[in-house]
Amino acid sequence: MRIWLSKPFYELLPYFYLASGLSLLLASLYLNYWHWPTICLVSGIICLVIGLFVLLRRRDFRSDSLKKPIK
């Protein structure tokens, strides 16, 4: 099963991951209840890694597809 997303939403998805990661990292600085700082820190790092991974994969794919000649 494939999930189909509209193009604007698809293009903004890595930036959403990066923004979520940054906001979770900032939240981990200000929360002091139970295990929330640790949860926010780990979730923020995971979101940042996913966002960077998706951005770099798209950049590499798009640069490779521009270099290949069309048959």
Protein backbone atom coordinates (compact mmCIF):
# COMPACT_ATOMS: atom_id res chain seq x y z
CA MET A 1 0.00 0.00 0.00
CA ARG A 2 1.38 3.39 -0.98
CA ILE A 3 0.48 6.71 0.56
CA TRP A 4 -0.13 9.48 -1.94
CA LEU A 5 0.53 13.04 -0.79
CA SER A 6 -0.07 16.26 -2.61
CA LYS A 7 3.09 17.84 -4.03
CA PRO A 8 3.19 20.92 -1.72
CA PHE A 9 2.78 18.75 1.36
CA TYR A 10 5.38 16.28 0.06
CA GLU A 11 7.91 19.07 -0.52
CA LEU A 12 7.37 20.56 2.96
CA LEU A 13 7.62 17.27 4.83
CA PRO A 14 11.39 17.35 5.58
CA TYR A 15 11.12 20.95 6.81
CA PHE A 16 8.26 19.87 9.05
CA TYR A 17 10.49 17.16 10.52
CA LEU A 18 13.28 19.68 11.09
CA ALA A 19 10.94 22.23 12.70
CA SER A 20 9.42 19.54 14.91
CA GLY A 21 12.87 18.38 15.95
CA LEU A 22 13.99 21.88 16.86
CA SER A 23 10.81 22.59 18.81
CA LEU A 24 11.16 19.30 20.71
CA LEU A 25 14.78 20.10 21.55
CA LEU A 26 13.76 23.51 22.84
CA ALA A 27 10.91 21.95 24.81
CA SER A 28 13.35 19.55 26.44
CA LEU A 29 15.16 22.57 27.90
CA TYR A 30 12.05 23.98 29.56
CA LEU A 31 10.13 20.90 30.71
CA ASN A 32 10.88 19.59 34.19
CA TYR A 33 8.15 17.06 34.80
CA TRP A 34 8.62 13.28 34.95
CA HIS A 35 10.62 11.98 31.94
CA TRP A 36 9.44 14.60 29.46
CA PRO A 37 12.85 16.26 28.96
CA THR A 38 14.38 12.92 27.95
CA ILE A 39 11.42 12.01 25.74
CA CYS A 40 11.54 15.39 23.99
CA LEU A 41 15.33 15.22 23.57
CA VAL A 42 15.30 11.77 21.99
CA SER A 43 12.27 12.57 19.81
CA GLY A 44 13.86 15.85 18.71
CA ILE A 45 17.09 14.18 17.69
CA ILE A 46 15.19 11.48 15.79
CA CYS A 47 13.11 14.10 13.94
CA LEU A 48 16.23 16.09 13.03
CA VAL A 49 17.99 12.98 11.72
CA ILE A 50 14.95 11.94 9.66
CA GLY A 51 14.54 15.45 8.24
CA LEU A 52 18.19 15.70 7.25
CA PHE A 53 18.15 12.19 5.80
CA VAL A 54 15.11 12.94 3.61
CA LEU A 55 16.55 16.29 2.46
CA LEU A 56 19.91 14.76 1.53
CA ARG A 57 18.34 11.77 -0.22
CA ARG A 58 16.10 14.04 -2.30
CA ARG A 59 19.02 16.31 -3.17
CA ASP A 60 21.15 13.37 -4.28
CA PHE A 61 18.33 11.80 -6.28
CA ARG A 62 17.47 15.05 -8.03
CA SER A 63 21.09 15.84 -8.86
CA ASP A 64 21.62 12.32 -10.23
CA SER A 65 18.45 12.46 -12.31
CA LEU A 66 19.61 15.74 -13.90
CA LYS A 67 22.97 14.24 -14.87
CA LYS A 68 21.59 11.13 -16.57
CA PRO A 69 20.69 11.49 -20.23
CA ILE A 70 17.13 10.72 -21.23
CA LYS A 71 16.90 7.77 -23.60
